[in-house]
N, C-alpha and C. Protein backbone atom coordinates (compact mmCIF):
# COMPACT_ATOMS: atom_id res chain seq x y z
N MET A 1 -3.96 -25.82 17.53
CA MET A 1 -3.62 -24.71 16.65
C MET A 1 -2.44 -23.95 17.25
N LYS A 2 -1.34 -23.89 16.54
CA LYS A 2 -0.18 -23.15 17.01
C LYS A 2 -0.18 -21.77 16.36
N MET A 3 -0.09 -20.74 17.20
CA MET A 3 -0.20 -19.40 16.67
C MET A 3 0.97 -18.53 17.11
N GLN A 4 1.34 -17.63 16.21
CA GLN A 4 2.33 -16.61 16.53
C GLN A 4 1.69 -15.27 16.24
N LYS A 5 1.59 -14.44 17.26
CA LYS A 5 0.97 -13.14 17.08
C LYS A 5 1.93 -12.22 16.33
N ILE A 6 1.49 -11.72 15.19
CA ILE A 6 2.32 -10.81 14.41
C ILE A 6 2.11 -9.38 14.87
N ARG A 7 0.83 -9.00 14.94
CA ARG A 7 0.51 -7.65 15.36
C ARG A 7 -0.64 -7.68 16.34
N ASN A 8 -0.49 -6.96 17.43
CA ASN A 8 -1.61 -6.76 18.33
C ASN A 8 -1.87 -5.27 18.34
N SER A 9 -2.93 -4.87 17.69
CA SER A 9 -3.17 -3.44 17.54
C SER A 9 -4.44 -2.97 18.20
N LYS A 10 -4.79 -3.59 19.32
CA LYS A 10 -5.96 -3.14 20.05
C LYS A 10 -5.74 -1.70 20.51
N LYS A 11 -6.81 -0.97 20.62
CA LYS A 11 -6.70 0.43 20.99
C LYS A 11 -5.95 0.57 22.31
N GLY A 12 -5.01 1.51 22.32
CA GLY A 12 -4.23 1.74 23.53
C GLY A 12 -2.87 1.08 23.46
N ASP A 13 -2.69 0.17 22.52
CA ASP A 13 -1.40 -0.51 22.36
C ASP A 13 -0.46 0.44 21.63
N THR A 14 0.63 0.82 22.28
CA THR A 14 1.55 1.79 21.68
C THR A 14 2.74 1.11 21.04
N LYS A 15 2.77 -0.22 21.03
CA LYS A 15 3.94 -0.92 20.50
C LYS A 15 3.96 -0.98 18.99
N ARG A 16 2.78 -1.04 18.38
CA ARG A 16 2.75 -1.16 16.91
C ARG A 16 2.70 0.21 16.27
N PRO A 17 3.71 0.56 15.48
CA PRO A 17 3.61 1.81 14.74
C PRO A 17 2.57 1.64 13.65
N LYS A 18 1.74 2.63 13.45
CA LYS A 18 0.72 2.54 12.43
C LYS A 18 1.37 2.47 11.05
N THR A 19 0.64 1.88 10.12
CA THR A 19 1.18 1.73 8.78
C THR A 19 1.53 3.08 8.17
N LYS A 20 0.75 4.11 8.51
CA LYS A 20 1.00 5.42 7.93
C LYS A 20 2.34 6.00 8.37
N ALA A 21 2.97 5.40 9.38
CA ALA A 21 4.29 5.85 9.79
C ALA A 21 5.33 5.55 8.71
N ILE A 22 5.01 4.60 7.83
CA ILE A 22 5.89 4.33 6.71
C ILE A 22 5.89 5.56 5.82
N SER A 23 7.05 6.07 5.48
CA SER A 23 7.12 7.31 4.73
C SER A 23 6.49 7.19 3.35
N LEU A 24 5.99 8.30 2.87
CA LEU A 24 5.42 8.32 1.53
C LEU A 24 6.49 8.02 0.50
N THR A 25 7.73 8.37 0.82
CA THR A 25 8.85 8.07 -0.06
C THR A 25 9.00 6.57 -0.25
N LYS A 26 8.93 5.82 0.87
CA LYS A 26 9.04 4.36 0.81
C LYS A 26 7.87 3.77 0.03
N LYS A 27 6.67 4.29 0.27
CA LYS A 27 5.50 3.80 -0.44
C LYS A 27 5.64 4.05 -1.95
N ALA A 28 6.15 5.24 -2.29
CA ALA A 28 6.32 5.57 -3.71
C ALA A 28 7.34 4.63 -4.36
N LYS A 29 8.40 4.33 -3.63
CA LYS A 29 9.43 3.43 -4.16
C LYS A 29 8.87 2.03 -4.39
N ASP A 30 8.09 1.53 -3.42
CA ASP A 30 7.47 0.21 -3.56
C ASP A 30 6.51 0.20 -4.75
N PHE A 31 5.76 1.29 -4.91
CA PHE A 31 4.81 1.40 -6.01
C PHE A 31 5.53 1.35 -7.36
N LEU A 32 6.61 2.10 -7.47
CA LEU A 32 7.34 2.16 -8.74
C LEU A 32 8.08 0.85 -9.05
N ASN A 33 8.40 0.10 -8.01
CA ASN A 33 9.06 -1.20 -8.19
C ASN A 33 8.07 -2.32 -8.47
N SER A 34 6.78 -2.03 -8.27
CA SER A 34 5.76 -3.06 -8.40
C SER A 34 5.64 -3.56 -9.84
N GLU A 35 5.27 -4.84 -9.96
CA GLU A 35 5.07 -5.46 -11.27
C GLU A 35 3.58 -5.57 -11.61
N THR A 36 2.73 -4.92 -10.81
CA THR A 36 1.30 -5.03 -11.06
C THR A 36 0.90 -4.18 -12.25
N MET A 37 -0.39 -4.03 -12.47
CA MET A 37 -0.89 -3.41 -13.69
C MET A 37 -0.25 -2.06 -13.98
N PRO A 38 -0.13 -1.71 -15.28
CA PRO A 38 0.47 -0.44 -15.67
C PRO A 38 -0.29 0.74 -15.07
N ALA A 39 0.41 1.81 -14.82
CA ALA A 39 -0.22 3.00 -14.24
C ALA A 39 -0.18 4.15 -15.24
N ARG A 40 -1.11 5.08 -15.09
CA ARG A 40 -1.14 6.25 -15.97
C ARG A 40 0.12 7.08 -15.76
N ILE A 41 0.52 7.80 -16.80
CA ILE A 41 1.73 8.60 -16.76
C ILE A 41 1.66 9.66 -15.65
N THR A 42 0.47 10.26 -15.43
CA THR A 42 0.36 11.25 -14.37
C THR A 42 0.59 10.64 -12.99
N VAL A 43 0.16 9.39 -12.82
CA VAL A 43 0.37 8.69 -11.54
C VAL A 43 1.85 8.38 -11.36
N ILE A 44 2.50 7.97 -12.44
CA ILE A 44 3.94 7.71 -12.38
C ILE A 44 4.69 8.97 -11.99
N ALA A 45 4.35 10.09 -12.61
CA ALA A 45 5.01 11.35 -12.29
C ALA A 45 4.77 11.74 -10.84
N LEU A 46 3.55 11.53 -10.36
CA LEU A 46 3.22 11.83 -8.97
C LEU A 46 4.08 11.00 -8.02
N ALA A 47 4.24 9.72 -8.33
CA ALA A 47 5.06 8.84 -7.50
C ALA A 47 6.52 9.27 -7.51
N LEU A 48 7.01 9.70 -8.66
CA LEU A 48 8.40 10.14 -8.76
C LEU A 48 8.65 11.40 -7.95
N VAL A 49 7.70 12.33 -7.99
CA VAL A 49 7.83 13.54 -7.17
C VAL A 49 7.78 13.19 -5.70
N ALA A 50 6.89 12.26 -5.32
CA ALA A 50 6.79 11.83 -3.93
C ALA A 50 8.08 11.16 -3.47
N LEU A 51 8.74 10.48 -4.39
CA LEU A 51 9.95 9.74 -4.04
C LEU A 51 11.10 10.66 -3.67
N ALA A 52 11.28 11.71 -4.42
CA ALA A 52 12.47 12.52 -4.16
C ALA A 52 12.23 14.02 -4.20
N GLY A 53 11.15 14.48 -4.82
CA GLY A 53 11.01 15.91 -5.07
C GLY A 53 12.03 16.29 -6.14
N ILE A 54 11.87 17.41 -6.74
CA ILE A 54 12.79 17.80 -7.81
C ILE A 54 13.40 19.15 -7.46
N THR A 55 14.73 19.22 -7.42
CA THR A 55 15.40 20.49 -7.13
C THR A 55 15.44 21.33 -8.39
N THR A 56 15.01 22.56 -8.28
CA THR A 56 14.91 23.57 -9.33
C THR A 56 13.89 23.18 -10.39
N ILE A 57 13.04 24.14 -10.72
CA ILE A 57 11.98 23.90 -11.68
C ILE A 57 12.53 23.55 -13.05
N LEU A 58 13.73 24.04 -13.38
CA LEU A 58 14.33 23.74 -14.68
C LEU A 58 14.74 22.28 -14.80
N ALA A 59 14.87 21.60 -13.65
CA ALA A 59 15.34 20.21 -13.66
C ALA A 59 14.20 19.21 -13.57
N VAL A 60 12.95 19.68 -13.67
CA VAL A 60 11.83 18.76 -13.51
C VAL A 60 11.87 17.64 -14.53
N ALA A 61 11.96 17.99 -15.82
CA ALA A 61 11.94 16.96 -16.86
C ALA A 61 13.12 16.00 -16.77
N PRO A 62 14.37 16.49 -16.76
CA PRO A 62 15.49 15.54 -16.64
C PRO A 62 15.52 14.82 -15.31
N GLY A 63 15.06 15.50 -14.25
CA GLY A 63 15.05 14.87 -12.94
C GLY A 63 14.09 13.70 -12.89
N LEU A 64 12.89 13.90 -13.38
CA LEU A 64 11.91 12.83 -13.42
C LEU A 64 12.37 11.70 -14.34
N SER A 65 12.93 12.08 -15.47
CA SER A 65 13.39 11.08 -16.44
C SER A 65 14.50 10.21 -15.87
N ARG A 66 15.43 10.83 -15.15
CA ARG A 66 16.53 10.08 -14.55
C ARG A 66 16.02 9.08 -13.52
N LEU A 67 15.11 9.54 -12.67
CA LEU A 67 14.53 8.65 -11.67
C LEU A 67 13.70 7.55 -12.32
N ALA A 68 12.95 7.91 -13.34
CA ALA A 68 12.06 6.96 -14.00
C ALA A 68 12.81 5.75 -14.54
N GLY A 69 14.04 5.96 -15.01
CA GLY A 69 14.82 4.88 -15.59
C GLY A 69 15.24 3.81 -14.59
N GLU A 70 15.04 4.06 -13.30
CA GLU A 70 15.45 3.12 -12.28
C GLU A 70 14.35 2.15 -11.85
N TYR A 71 13.11 2.38 -12.32
CA TYR A 71 11.98 1.61 -11.80
C TYR A 71 11.17 0.93 -12.91
N ASN A 72 10.63 -0.23 -12.56
CA ASN A 72 9.90 -1.06 -13.52
C ASN A 72 8.76 -0.33 -14.22
N ARG A 73 7.98 0.39 -13.44
CA ARG A 73 6.77 0.99 -13.97
C ARG A 73 6.99 2.26 -14.79
N SER A 74 8.13 2.89 -14.63
CA SER A 74 8.30 4.22 -15.21
C SER A 74 9.37 4.36 -16.26
N LYS A 75 10.22 3.37 -16.43
CA LYS A 75 11.38 3.55 -17.30
C LYS A 75 11.06 3.70 -18.79
N ARG A 76 9.85 3.34 -19.20
CA ARG A 76 9.53 3.43 -20.62
C ARG A 76 9.01 4.81 -21.04
N TYR A 77 8.83 5.72 -20.07
CA TYR A 77 8.31 7.04 -20.42
C TYR A 77 9.43 8.02 -20.77
N SER A 78 9.15 8.88 -21.73
CA SER A 78 10.14 9.85 -22.19
C SER A 78 10.16 11.08 -21.29
N LYS A 79 11.22 11.87 -21.44
CA LYS A 79 11.36 13.11 -20.68
C LYS A 79 10.18 14.04 -20.97
N ARG A 80 9.80 14.11 -22.25
CA ARG A 80 8.70 14.97 -22.66
C ARG A 80 7.38 14.53 -22.02
N GLN A 81 7.11 13.24 -22.02
CA GLN A 81 5.88 12.72 -21.41
C GLN A 81 5.81 13.03 -19.93
N LEU A 82 6.93 12.86 -19.23
CA LEU A 82 6.96 13.11 -17.80
C LEU A 82 6.80 14.60 -17.49
N TRP A 83 7.38 15.44 -18.34
CA TRP A 83 7.25 16.88 -18.14
C TRP A 83 5.79 17.31 -18.32
N GLU A 84 5.14 16.80 -19.36
CA GLU A 84 3.73 17.14 -19.60
C GLU A 84 2.84 16.64 -18.47
N ALA A 85 3.17 15.45 -17.96
CA ALA A 85 2.40 14.89 -16.85
C ALA A 85 2.55 15.75 -15.60
N SER A 86 3.77 16.19 -15.32
CA SER A 86 4.01 17.02 -14.14
C SER A 86 3.33 18.38 -14.28
N ARG A 87 3.28 18.90 -15.49
CA ARG A 87 2.59 20.17 -15.71
C ARG A 87 1.09 20.02 -15.44
N ASN A 88 0.53 18.90 -15.86
CA ASN A 88 -0.88 18.61 -15.62
C ASN A 88 -1.16 18.47 -14.12
N LEU A 89 -0.25 17.80 -13.40
CA LEU A 89 -0.41 17.63 -11.95
C LEU A 89 -0.36 18.98 -11.22
N LYS A 90 0.51 19.85 -11.70
CA LYS A 90 0.62 21.18 -11.09
C LYS A 90 -0.67 21.97 -11.33
N LYS A 91 -1.21 21.88 -12.54
CA LYS A 91 -2.44 22.58 -12.89
C LYS A 91 -3.60 22.11 -12.02
N ARG A 92 -3.60 20.82 -11.67
CA ARG A 92 -4.68 20.25 -10.87
C ARG A 92 -4.45 20.41 -9.37
N GLY A 93 -3.33 21.00 -8.99
CA GLY A 93 -3.06 21.28 -7.58
C GLY A 93 -2.48 20.14 -6.79
N TYR A 94 -1.89 19.14 -7.48
CA TYR A 94 -1.32 17.98 -6.79
C TYR A 94 0.16 18.17 -6.47
N ILE A 95 0.83 19.01 -7.22
CA ILE A 95 2.23 19.32 -6.92
C ILE A 95 2.40 20.83 -6.96
N GLU A 96 3.44 21.32 -6.30
CA GLU A 96 3.68 22.76 -6.26
C GLU A 96 5.17 23.05 -6.15
N GLU A 97 5.52 24.29 -6.45
CA GLU A 97 6.90 24.74 -6.30
C GLU A 97 7.07 25.35 -4.92
N LYS A 98 8.14 24.96 -4.23
CA LYS A 98 8.45 25.52 -2.92
C LYS A 98 9.95 25.79 -2.85
N THR A 99 10.36 26.52 -1.85
CA THR A 99 11.78 26.80 -1.66
C THR A 99 12.28 26.02 -0.45
N ASP A 100 13.40 25.29 -0.63
CA ASP A 100 13.92 24.51 0.49
C ASP A 100 14.74 25.37 1.43
N SER A 101 15.33 24.76 2.43
CA SER A 101 16.07 25.50 3.47
C SER A 101 17.30 26.22 2.92
N GLN A 102 17.76 25.78 1.75
CA GLN A 102 18.94 26.42 1.14
C GLN A 102 18.55 27.44 0.08
N GLY A 103 17.26 27.70 -0.01
CA GLY A 103 16.79 28.70 -0.96
C GLY A 103 16.62 28.20 -2.37
N LYS A 104 16.70 26.87 -2.57
CA LYS A 104 16.55 26.31 -3.90
C LYS A 104 15.09 25.93 -4.15
N PRO A 105 14.59 26.24 -5.34
CA PRO A 105 13.20 25.86 -5.65
C PRO A 105 13.06 24.35 -5.82
N ARG A 106 11.96 23.81 -5.29
CA ARG A 106 11.70 22.39 -5.41
C ARG A 106 10.26 22.18 -5.86
N VAL A 107 10.03 21.04 -6.48
CA VAL A 107 8.68 20.63 -6.83
C VAL A 107 8.30 19.49 -5.88
N VAL A 108 7.23 19.67 -5.11
CA VAL A 108 6.84 18.69 -4.09
C VAL A 108 5.33 18.43 -4.17
N LEU A 109 4.88 17.39 -3.49
CA LEU A 109 3.45 17.11 -3.41
C LEU A 109 2.76 18.10 -2.48
N THR A 110 1.58 18.54 -2.85
CA THR A 110 0.75 19.33 -1.95
C THR A 110 0.01 18.36 -1.02
N GLU A 111 -0.69 18.88 -0.03
CA GLU A 111 -1.50 18.00 0.83
C GLU A 111 -2.55 17.28 0.00
N LYS A 112 -3.12 17.99 -0.96
CA LYS A 112 -4.10 17.39 -1.86
C LYS A 112 -3.45 16.26 -2.66
N GLY A 113 -2.19 16.50 -3.09
CA GLY A 113 -1.46 15.50 -3.85
C GLY A 113 -1.14 14.27 -3.01
N LYS A 114 -0.80 14.49 -1.75
CA LYS A 114 -0.49 13.36 -0.86
C LYS A 114 -1.73 12.48 -0.65
N LYS A 115 -2.88 13.11 -0.41
CA LYS A 115 -4.11 12.35 -0.22
C LYS A 115 -4.48 11.58 -1.49
N TYR A 116 -4.29 12.23 -2.62
CA TYR A 116 -4.60 11.58 -3.90
C TYR A 116 -3.69 10.38 -4.12
N PHE A 117 -2.42 10.53 -3.79
CA PHE A 117 -1.47 9.45 -3.99
C PHE A 117 -1.76 8.29 -3.03
N GLU A 118 -2.15 8.59 -1.78
CA GLU A 118 -2.53 7.54 -0.83
C GLU A 118 -3.73 6.77 -1.38
N LYS A 119 -4.68 7.47 -1.99
CA LYS A 119 -5.86 6.83 -2.56
C LYS A 119 -5.44 5.89 -3.70
N ILE A 120 -4.51 6.34 -4.52
CA ILE A 120 -4.01 5.51 -5.63
C ILE A 120 -3.33 4.26 -5.08
N LEU A 121 -2.50 4.43 -4.06
CA LEU A 121 -1.81 3.29 -3.45
C LEU A 121 -2.81 2.27 -2.91
N PHE A 122 -3.87 2.78 -2.29
CA PHE A 122 -4.90 1.90 -1.76
C PHE A 122 -5.57 1.11 -2.88
N GLU A 123 -5.97 1.80 -3.95
CA GLU A 123 -6.65 1.14 -5.06
C GLU A 123 -5.74 0.18 -5.80
N ASP A 124 -4.44 0.46 -5.76
CA ASP A 124 -3.46 -0.37 -6.46
C ASP A 124 -3.01 -1.57 -5.64
N SER A 125 -3.32 -1.55 -4.34
CA SER A 125 -2.77 -2.57 -3.44
C SER A 125 -3.19 -3.98 -3.83
N CYS A 126 -2.25 -4.88 -3.78
CA CYS A 126 -2.51 -6.30 -4.00
C CYS A 126 -1.46 -7.07 -3.20
N ILE A 127 -1.69 -8.35 -3.01
CA ILE A 127 -0.77 -9.18 -2.23
C ILE A 127 -0.07 -10.15 -3.17
N PRO A 128 1.23 -10.03 -3.31
CA PRO A 128 1.95 -10.95 -4.21
C PRO A 128 1.98 -12.37 -3.65
N ASP A 129 1.75 -13.34 -4.50
CA ASP A 129 1.80 -14.75 -4.09
C ASP A 129 3.18 -15.32 -4.40
N PRO A 130 3.90 -15.79 -3.39
CA PRO A 130 5.21 -16.40 -3.63
C PRO A 130 5.04 -17.72 -4.40
N GLU A 131 6.13 -18.19 -4.97
CA GLU A 131 6.07 -19.42 -5.76
C GLU A 131 5.70 -20.62 -4.90
N LYS A 132 6.12 -20.61 -3.65
CA LYS A 132 5.87 -21.76 -2.79
C LYS A 132 5.26 -21.32 -1.47
N TRP A 133 4.23 -22.03 -1.05
CA TRP A 133 3.59 -21.75 0.23
C TRP A 133 4.47 -22.24 1.37
N ASP A 134 4.58 -21.43 2.45
CA ASP A 134 5.42 -21.80 3.59
C ASP A 134 4.68 -22.63 4.64
N GLY A 135 3.43 -23.00 4.37
CA GLY A 135 2.68 -23.83 5.30
C GLY A 135 2.03 -23.08 6.44
N LYS A 136 2.10 -21.74 6.43
CA LYS A 136 1.51 -20.94 7.51
C LYS A 136 0.25 -20.24 7.02
N TRP A 137 -0.70 -20.12 7.95
CA TRP A 137 -1.92 -19.37 7.66
C TRP A 137 -1.86 -18.02 8.35
N ARG A 138 -2.28 -16.98 7.65
CA ARG A 138 -2.33 -15.64 8.24
C ARG A 138 -3.79 -15.32 8.58
N PHE A 139 -4.07 -15.19 9.87
CA PHE A 139 -5.42 -14.90 10.34
C PHE A 139 -5.53 -13.40 10.64
N VAL A 140 -6.52 -12.77 10.07
CA VAL A 140 -6.81 -11.36 10.33
C VAL A 140 -8.09 -11.29 11.16
N LEU A 141 -7.98 -10.75 12.37
CA LEU A 141 -9.12 -10.66 13.28
C LEU A 141 -9.38 -9.20 13.59
N PHE A 142 -10.64 -8.84 13.71
CA PHE A 142 -10.94 -7.47 14.11
C PHE A 142 -12.24 -7.41 14.91
N ASP A 143 -12.27 -6.45 15.81
CA ASP A 143 -13.44 -6.18 16.65
C ASP A 143 -13.66 -4.68 16.59
N ILE A 144 -14.41 -4.25 15.59
CA ILE A 144 -14.55 -2.83 15.29
C ILE A 144 -15.84 -2.29 15.89
N PRO A 145 -15.77 -1.21 16.67
CA PRO A 145 -16.95 -0.65 17.33
C PRO A 145 -18.06 -0.29 16.34
N VAL A 146 -19.30 -0.25 16.85
CA VAL A 146 -20.46 0.01 15.99
C VAL A 146 -20.43 1.40 15.36
N ASN A 147 -19.73 2.35 15.98
CA ASN A 147 -19.67 3.68 15.38
C ASN A 147 -18.74 3.73 14.18
N HIS A 148 -18.12 2.59 13.86
CA HIS A 148 -17.28 2.50 12.66
C HIS A 148 -17.85 1.45 11.69
N THR A 149 -19.18 1.34 11.66
CA THR A 149 -19.82 0.30 10.86
C THR A 149 -19.43 0.39 9.38
N ARG A 150 -19.45 1.58 8.82
CA ARG A 150 -19.13 1.73 7.40
C ARG A 150 -17.70 1.32 7.10
N ALA A 151 -16.79 1.68 8.01
CA ALA A 151 -15.38 1.31 7.83
C ALA A 151 -15.22 -0.20 7.95
N ARG A 152 -15.95 -0.82 8.89
CA ARG A 152 -15.87 -2.27 9.05
C ARG A 152 -16.36 -2.99 7.79
N ASP A 153 -17.47 -2.51 7.23
CA ASP A 153 -18.00 -3.12 6.01
C ASP A 153 -17.04 -2.93 4.84
N ALA A 154 -16.41 -1.75 4.79
CA ALA A 154 -15.47 -1.47 3.71
C ALA A 154 -14.23 -2.36 3.83
N LEU A 155 -13.78 -2.58 5.08
CA LEU A 155 -12.63 -3.46 5.30
C LEU A 155 -12.95 -4.88 4.87
N ARG A 156 -14.13 -5.37 5.23
CA ARG A 156 -14.54 -6.71 4.81
C ARG A 156 -14.57 -6.83 3.28
N PHE A 157 -15.13 -5.82 2.64
CA PHE A 157 -15.21 -5.83 1.18
C PHE A 157 -13.82 -5.88 0.56
N ARG A 158 -12.90 -5.10 1.14
CA ARG A 158 -11.55 -5.05 0.58
C ARG A 158 -10.80 -6.36 0.81
N LEU A 159 -10.94 -6.96 1.98
CA LEU A 159 -10.29 -8.24 2.25
C LEU A 159 -10.80 -9.30 1.27
N ARG A 160 -12.10 -9.28 1.02
CA ARG A 160 -12.65 -10.24 0.07
C ARG A 160 -12.07 -9.99 -1.33
N ALA A 161 -11.96 -8.72 -1.70
CA ALA A 161 -11.41 -8.37 -3.01
C ALA A 161 -9.94 -8.77 -3.14
N LEU A 162 -9.23 -8.76 -2.03
CA LEU A 162 -7.82 -9.14 -2.04
C LEU A 162 -7.63 -10.66 -2.05
N GLY A 163 -8.72 -11.40 -1.91
CA GLY A 163 -8.65 -12.86 -1.99
C GLY A 163 -8.69 -13.59 -0.67
N PHE A 164 -9.00 -12.89 0.42
CA PHE A 164 -9.07 -13.55 1.73
C PHE A 164 -10.29 -14.47 1.82
N TYR A 165 -10.17 -15.47 2.66
CA TYR A 165 -11.25 -16.41 2.93
C TYR A 165 -11.89 -16.04 4.26
N GLN A 166 -13.21 -15.89 4.28
CA GLN A 166 -13.89 -15.54 5.52
C GLN A 166 -14.08 -16.79 6.37
N TYR A 167 -13.28 -16.88 7.42
CA TYR A 167 -13.26 -18.05 8.30
C TYR A 167 -14.41 -17.99 9.30
N GLN A 168 -14.63 -16.80 9.84
CA GLN A 168 -15.77 -16.50 10.70
C GLN A 168 -16.18 -15.07 10.38
N LYS A 169 -17.17 -14.54 11.10
CA LYS A 169 -17.70 -13.22 10.76
C LYS A 169 -16.63 -12.15 10.67
N SER A 170 -15.77 -12.08 11.67
CA SER A 170 -14.71 -11.06 11.68
C SER A 170 -13.33 -11.70 11.71
N VAL A 171 -13.22 -12.86 11.09
CA VAL A 171 -11.95 -13.58 11.02
C VAL A 171 -11.72 -13.98 9.56
N TRP A 172 -10.61 -13.52 9.01
CA TRP A 172 -10.30 -13.80 7.62
C TRP A 172 -8.94 -14.48 7.52
N VAL A 173 -8.76 -15.29 6.48
CA VAL A 173 -7.53 -16.08 6.36
C VAL A 173 -6.91 -15.90 4.98
N TYR A 174 -5.57 -15.91 5.00
CA TYR A 174 -4.81 -15.86 3.74
C TYR A 174 -3.55 -16.70 3.94
N PRO A 175 -3.08 -17.39 2.91
CA PRO A 175 -1.94 -18.29 3.11
C PRO A 175 -0.55 -17.65 2.98
N TYR A 176 -0.50 -16.43 2.49
CA TYR A 176 0.81 -15.80 2.23
C TYR A 176 1.02 -14.56 3.09
N PRO A 177 2.25 -14.11 3.26
CA PRO A 177 2.52 -12.90 4.05
C PRO A 177 1.70 -11.72 3.53
N CYS A 178 1.04 -11.03 4.44
CA CYS A 178 0.13 -9.96 4.01
C CYS A 178 0.02 -8.84 5.04
N GLU A 179 0.88 -8.85 6.03
CA GLU A 179 0.79 -7.89 7.13
C GLU A 179 0.79 -6.44 6.64
N LYS A 180 1.76 -6.10 5.81
CA LYS A 180 1.89 -4.72 5.36
C LYS A 180 0.65 -4.27 4.61
N GLU A 181 0.15 -5.11 3.72
CA GLU A 181 -1.00 -4.75 2.91
C GLU A 181 -2.27 -4.62 3.75
N VAL A 182 -2.47 -5.55 4.69
CA VAL A 182 -3.67 -5.52 5.53
C VAL A 182 -3.68 -4.28 6.42
N LEU A 183 -2.55 -3.98 7.03
CA LEU A 183 -2.49 -2.83 7.92
C LEU A 183 -2.62 -1.52 7.16
N PHE A 184 -2.11 -1.49 5.93
CA PHE A 184 -2.29 -0.30 5.10
C PHE A 184 -3.77 -0.06 4.83
N VAL A 185 -4.48 -1.12 4.45
CA VAL A 185 -5.91 -1.02 4.17
C VAL A 185 -6.68 -0.62 5.43
N ALA A 186 -6.37 -1.27 6.56
CA ALA A 186 -7.06 -0.98 7.81
C ALA A 186 -6.85 0.46 8.25
N ASP A 187 -5.61 0.93 8.14
CA ASP A 187 -5.33 2.31 8.52
C ASP A 187 -5.97 3.29 7.55
N TYR A 188 -6.07 2.91 6.29
CA TYR A 188 -6.71 3.76 5.29
C TYR A 188 -8.17 4.03 5.69
N PHE A 189 -8.82 3.01 6.23
CA PHE A 189 -10.21 3.15 6.67
C PHE A 189 -10.31 3.67 8.10
N GLY A 190 -9.18 3.90 8.75
CA GLY A 190 -9.18 4.46 10.09
C GLY A 190 -9.51 3.48 11.20
N VAL A 191 -9.32 2.16 10.93
CA VAL A 191 -9.65 1.15 11.95
C VAL A 191 -8.46 0.25 12.26
N GLY A 192 -7.27 0.70 11.95
CA GLY A 192 -6.08 -0.10 12.20
C GLY A 192 -5.88 -0.46 13.66
N ASP A 193 -6.42 0.37 14.57
CA ASP A 193 -6.27 0.10 16.01
C ASP A 193 -7.07 -1.11 16.46
N PHE A 194 -7.96 -1.59 15.63
CA PHE A 194 -8.82 -2.70 16.03
C PHE A 194 -8.52 -3.99 15.29
N VAL A 195 -7.41 -4.02 14.59
CA VAL A 195 -7.05 -5.18 13.78
C VAL A 195 -5.88 -5.93 14.38
N GLU A 196 -5.97 -7.24 14.34
CA GLU A 196 -4.89 -8.10 14.85
C GLU A 196 -4.58 -9.16 13.79
N ILE A 197 -3.31 -9.46 13.60
CA ILE A 197 -2.89 -10.45 12.61
C ILE A 197 -2.08 -11.53 13.31
N MET A 198 -2.39 -12.77 13.00
CA MET A 198 -1.67 -13.90 13.59
C MET A 198 -1.19 -14.87 12.52
N GLU A 199 -0.04 -15.47 12.76
CA GLU A 199 0.45 -16.55 11.92
C GLU A 199 0.12 -17.87 12.60
N VAL A 200 -0.54 -18.74 11.90
CA VAL A 200 -0.91 -20.05 12.44
C VAL A 200 -0.11 -21.13 11.72
N THR A 201 0.68 -21.85 12.46
CA THR A 201 1.57 -22.85 11.86
C THR A 201 0.92 -24.22 11.74
N HIS A 202 -0.19 -24.43 12.46
CA HIS A 202 -0.86 -25.74 12.38
C HIS A 202 -2.34 -25.61 12.67
N LEU A 203 -3.16 -26.18 11.81
CA LEU A 203 -4.60 -26.29 12.02
C LEU A 203 -4.97 -27.76 11.97
N THR A 204 -5.80 -28.19 12.89
CA THR A 204 -6.18 -29.61 12.87
C THR A 204 -7.02 -29.95 11.64
N LYS A 205 -7.77 -28.94 11.15
CA LYS A 205 -8.59 -29.15 9.96
C LYS A 205 -8.40 -27.97 9.02
N ASP A 206 -7.57 -28.16 8.01
CA ASP A 206 -7.35 -27.08 7.06
C ASP A 206 -7.59 -27.52 5.61
N ALA A 207 -8.23 -28.68 5.45
CA ALA A 207 -8.46 -29.20 4.10
C ALA A 207 -9.29 -28.24 3.25
N GLU A 208 -10.30 -27.64 3.87
CA GLU A 208 -11.17 -26.72 3.13
C GLU A 208 -10.40 -25.48 2.69
N LEU A 209 -9.54 -24.99 3.58
CA LEU A 209 -8.72 -23.82 3.25
C LEU A 209 -7.75 -24.15 2.11
N ARG A 210 -7.10 -25.30 2.21
CA ARG A 210 -6.13 -25.67 1.17
C ARG A 210 -6.84 -25.86 -0.18
N LYS A 211 -8.05 -26.39 -0.12
CA LYS A 211 -8.83 -26.58 -1.35
C LYS A 211 -9.21 -25.22 -1.94
N HIS A 212 -9.63 -24.29 -1.07
CA HIS A 212 -10.04 -22.97 -1.52
C HIS A 212 -8.89 -22.23 -2.20
N PHE A 213 -7.69 -22.30 -1.59
CA PHE A 213 -6.53 -21.57 -2.13
C PHE A 213 -5.71 -22.42 -3.11
N LYS A 214 -6.20 -23.63 -3.40
CA LYS A 214 -5.52 -24.54 -4.33
C LYS A 214 -4.08 -24.81 -3.90
N LEU A 215 -3.95 -25.21 -2.64
CA LEU A 215 -2.64 -25.48 -2.06
C LEU A 215 -2.51 -26.97 -1.74
N GLU A 216 -1.31 -27.49 -1.90
CA GLU A 216 -1.05 -28.86 -1.53
C GLU A 216 -0.46 -28.89 -0.14
N GLN A 217 -0.64 -30.00 0.54
CA GLN A 217 -0.07 -30.14 1.88
C GLN A 217 1.44 -30.13 1.79
N VAL A 218 2.07 -29.32 2.67
CA VAL A 218 3.54 -29.27 2.69
C VAL A 218 4.08 -30.36 3.61
């Protein structure tokens, strides 16, 4: 078995930046560019505010509308729809008006809004399958302490939902690149420090895996 270690995130390892280090702006951009299932208008508005914030309260509607036209998930919504969605988000405490360093009013996510958006990103997460398999297996291994039992069970449930194959009790396999998605899920449950991902370029016996994922030998 030939292996290439992608991430070694055992506790105490300071080399791997946690997934949460990825800015919310980047996450919002990826979300809006995604081709996965349609999202509610309020979620789209939330992502747009997370992406850039809006300078001056008077510019909320045109600002959101301008940004929306650049992304797959949001370009079909009207200025009026986005304005109503942002008003609803403000009423629910997910966005707020603040003043920036230059004294200009801005509309930004509240802490409550950030947590809500992270939850949406987690629930929306999926792993895109490329047209062609590169012949590599991605092994996800974890050794999670007993005081994180609920998080460990939740991680297993999510890996199964994402389509991973359980190779051993705490070893899961997927044929396509999945590092970003796995680490996002692990960090969401607070166990990212105990997860390791490896790329395996050769297995002596992978017929069962190829059959499970409906892959042909490369």
